[in-house]
Amino acid sequence: MQYWDVFPKSIKVSKNPFGTIVPLSVRGNPRGSVVFESSDAIVASVDTNGTVSLGLSAGSAVITAYDSEDRTSIRYVLVEVTTTATEIAVS
């Protein structure tokens, strides 16, 4: 198995009328083209390049990244949009 991962591992922002964009970074050697999916596109959507758009709606979501179409190797990014004022936290 080859090493690969997606960063940041978690994203936490405050709800805001302008939204927030966070690009995900794939590191290592995935077997194929990485495919991204969001568990809740209203809270956080992700495009084919791994760019996450969030901040318009409060809630939590999980961005799932697969390293190939057979989906045997999976990585996760936890996303939270709060209703209270917090600084952007990316880890």
C-alpha atoms as a PDB file:
ATOM      1  CA  MET A   1       0.000   0.000   0.000  1.00  0.00           C
ATOM      2  CA  GLN A   2       1.300   3.442  -0.911  1.00  0.00           C
ATOM      3  CA  TYR A   3       1.196   6.354   1.526  1.00  0.00           C
ATOM      4  CA  TRP A   4      -1.137   9.222   0.749  1.00  0.00           C
ATOM      5  CA  ASP A   5      -3.222  11.637   2.800  1.00  0.00           C
ATOM      6  CA  VAL A   6      -5.379  14.751   2.566  1.00  0.00           C
ATOM      7  CA  PHE A   7      -4.747  17.960   4.504  1.00  0.00           C
ATOM      8  CA  PRO A   8      -6.010  19.801   6.460  1.00  0.00           C
ATOM      9  CA  LYS A   9      -7.573  17.049   8.583  1.00  0.00           C
ATOM     10  CA  SER A  10     -10.205  19.402  10.022  1.00  0.00           C
ATOM     11  CA  ILE A  11     -11.717  22.783   9.165  1.00  0.00           C
ATOM     12  CA  LYS A  12     -13.700  24.966  11.573  1.00  0.00           C
ATOM     13  CA  VAL A  13     -15.146  28.346  10.606  1.00  0.00           C
ATOM     14  CA  SER A  14     -17.916  30.709  11.697  1.00  0.00           C
ATOM     15  CA  LYS A  15     -21.064  31.055   9.641  1.00  0.00           C
ATOM     16  CA  ASN A  16     -20.790  34.193   7.504  1.00  0.00           C
ATOM     17  CA  PRO A  17     -22.646  35.753   4.554  1.00  0.00           C
ATOM     18  CA  PHE A  18     -19.621  35.538   2.245  1.00  0.00           C
ATOM     19  CA  GLY A  19     -18.619  31.912   2.788  1.00  0.00           C
ATOM     20  CA  THR A  20     -15.104  30.545   3.086  1.00  0.00           C
ATOM     21  CA  ILE A  21     -12.964  28.644   0.576  1.00  0.00           C
ATOM     22  CA  VAL A  22     -10.365  26.102   1.761  1.00  0.00           C
ATOM     23  CA  PRO A  23      -8.273  24.127  -0.747  1.00  0.00           C
ATOM     24  CA  LEU A  24      -7.427  20.566   0.260  1.00  0.00           C
ATOM     25  CA  SER A  25      -3.928  19.262  -0.381  1.00  0.00           C
ATOM     26  CA  VAL A  26      -3.257  15.671  -1.413  1.00  0.00           C
ATOM     27  CA  ARG A  27       0.167  14.436  -0.339  1.00  0.00           C
ATOM     28  CA  GLY A  28       1.959  11.204  -1.076  1.00  0.00           C
ATOM     29  CA  ASN A  29       1.136   8.817  -3.903  1.00  0.00           C
ATOM     30  CA  PRO A  30      -2.523   7.905  -4.314  1.00  0.00           C
ATOM     31  CA  ARG A  31      -3.165   5.001  -6.703  1.00  0.00           C
ATOM     32  CA  GLY A  32      -5.267   7.103  -9.039  1.00  0.00           C
ATOM     33  CA  SER A  33      -7.128  10.370  -9.297  1.00  0.00           C
ATOM     34  CA  VAL A  34      -8.530  11.353  -5.902  1.00  0.00           C
ATOM     35  CA  VAL A  35     -12.328  11.647  -5.784  1.00  0.00           C
ATOM     36  CA  PHE A  36     -13.910  13.947  -3.162  1.00  0.00           C
ATOM     37  CA  GLU A  37     -17.428  13.778  -1.686  1.00  0.00           C
ATOM     38  CA  SER A  38     -19.251  15.735   1.017  1.00  0.00           C
ATOM     39  CA  SER A  39     -21.645  14.179   3.518  1.00  0.00           C
ATOM     40  CA  ASP A  40     -23.668  17.439   3.559  1.00  0.00           C
ATOM     41  CA  ALA A  41     -23.218  19.793   0.598  1.00  0.00           C
ATOM     42  CA  ILE A  42     -25.355  22.471   2.293  1.00  0.00           C
ATOM     43  CA  VAL A  43     -22.747  22.789   5.068  1.00  0.00           C
ATOM     44  CA  ALA A  44     -19.653  22.129   2.939  1.00  0.00           C
ATOM     45  CA  SER A  45     -19.385  21.347  -0.745  1.00  0.00           C
ATOM     46  CA  VAL A  46     -16.218  20.107  -2.453  1.00  0.00           C
ATOM     47  CA  ASP A  47     -15.302  20.241  -6.118  1.00  0.00           C
ATOM     48  CA  THR A  48     -13.277  17.763  -8.171  1.00  0.00           C
ATOM     49  CA  ASN A  49     -10.054  19.649  -7.358  1.00  0.00           C
ATOM     50  CA  GLY A  50     -10.607  19.359  -3.590  1.00  0.00           C
ATOM     51  CA  THR A  51     -11.668  22.962  -3.002  1.00  0.00           C
ATOM     52  CA  VAL A  52     -14.092  23.142  -0.062  1.00  0.00           C
ATOM     53  CA  SER A  53     -16.748  25.884   0.032  1.00  0.00           C
ATOM     54  CA  LEU A  54     -18.347  26.407   3.433  1.00  0.00           C
ATOM     55  CA  GLY A  55     -19.560  28.987   5.932  1.00  0.00           C
ATOM     56  CA  LEU A  56     -22.995  29.876   4.574  1.00  0.00           C
ATOM     57  CA  SER A  57     -24.873  27.295   6.707  1.00  0.00           C
ATOM     58  CA  ALA A  58     -24.062  26.111  10.225  1.00  0.00           C
ATOM     59  CA  GLY A  59     -23.516  22.420  10.863  1.00  0.00           C
ATOM     60  CA  SER A  60     -21.042  19.583  10.469  1.00  0.00           C
ATOM     61  CA  ALA A  61     -19.944  17.537   7.487  1.00  0.00           C
ATOM     62  CA  VAL A  62     -17.308  15.028   6.504  1.00  0.00           C
ATOM     63  CA  ILE A  63     -15.341  15.352   3.284  1.00  0.00           C
ATOM     64  CA  THR A  64     -14.385  11.880   2.084  1.00  0.00           C
ATOM     65  CA  ALA A  65     -11.479  11.360  -0.312  1.00  0.00           C
ATOM     66  CA  TYR A  66     -11.006   8.117  -2.237  1.00  0.00           C
ATOM     67  CA  ASP A  67      -7.744   7.371  -4.046  1.00  0.00           C
ATOM     68  CA  SER A  68      -9.388   5.388  -6.834  1.00  0.00           C
ATOM     69  CA  GLU A  69     -12.778   4.440  -8.193  1.00  0.00           C
ATOM     70  CA  ASP A  70     -12.793   1.128  -6.285  1.00  0.00           C
ATOM     71  CA  ARG A  71     -12.844   3.162  -3.022  1.00  0.00           C
ATOM     72  CA  THR A  72     -10.590   0.829  -1.057  1.00  0.00           C
ATOM     73  CA  SER A  73      -8.378   3.582   0.389  1.00  0.00           C
ATOM     74  CA  ILE A  74     -10.232   6.423   2.126  1.00  0.00           C
ATOM     75  CA  ARG A  75      -9.257   9.626   3.950  1.00  0.00           C
ATOM     76  CA  TYR A  76     -11.508  12.024   5.879  1.00  0.00           C
ATOM     77  CA  VAL A  77     -11.631  15.766   6.581  1.00  0.00           C
ATOM     78  CA  LEU A  78     -13.919  16.920   9.404  1.00  0.00           C
ATOM     79  CA  VAL A  79     -15.770  20.195   8.787  1.00  0.00           C
ATOM     80  CA  GLU A  80     -17.644  22.376  11.273  1.00  0.00           C
ATOM     81  CA  VAL A  81     -19.407  25.685  10.707  1.00  0.00           C
ATOM     82  CA  THR A  82     -20.414  27.362  13.979  1.00  0.00           C
ATOM     83  CA  THR A  83     -22.981  30.062  14.619  1.00  0.00           C
ATOM     84  CA  THR A  84     -20.707  31.863  17.100  1.00  0.00           C
ATOM     85  CA  ALA A  85     -17.742  33.998  16.177  1.00  0.00           C
ATOM     86  CA  THR A  86     -14.558  31.920  16.015  1.00  0.00           C
ATOM     87  CA  GLU A  87     -11.357  32.319  14.122  1.00  0.00           C
ATOM     88  CA  ILE A  88     -10.733  30.071  11.145  1.00  0.00           C
ATOM     89  CA  ALA A  89      -9.096  26.905  12.456  1.00  0.00           C
ATOM     90  CA  VAL A  90      -7.427  24.578   9.990  1.00  0.00           C
ATOM     91  CA  SER A  91      -5.474  21.608  11.292  1.00  0.00           C
END
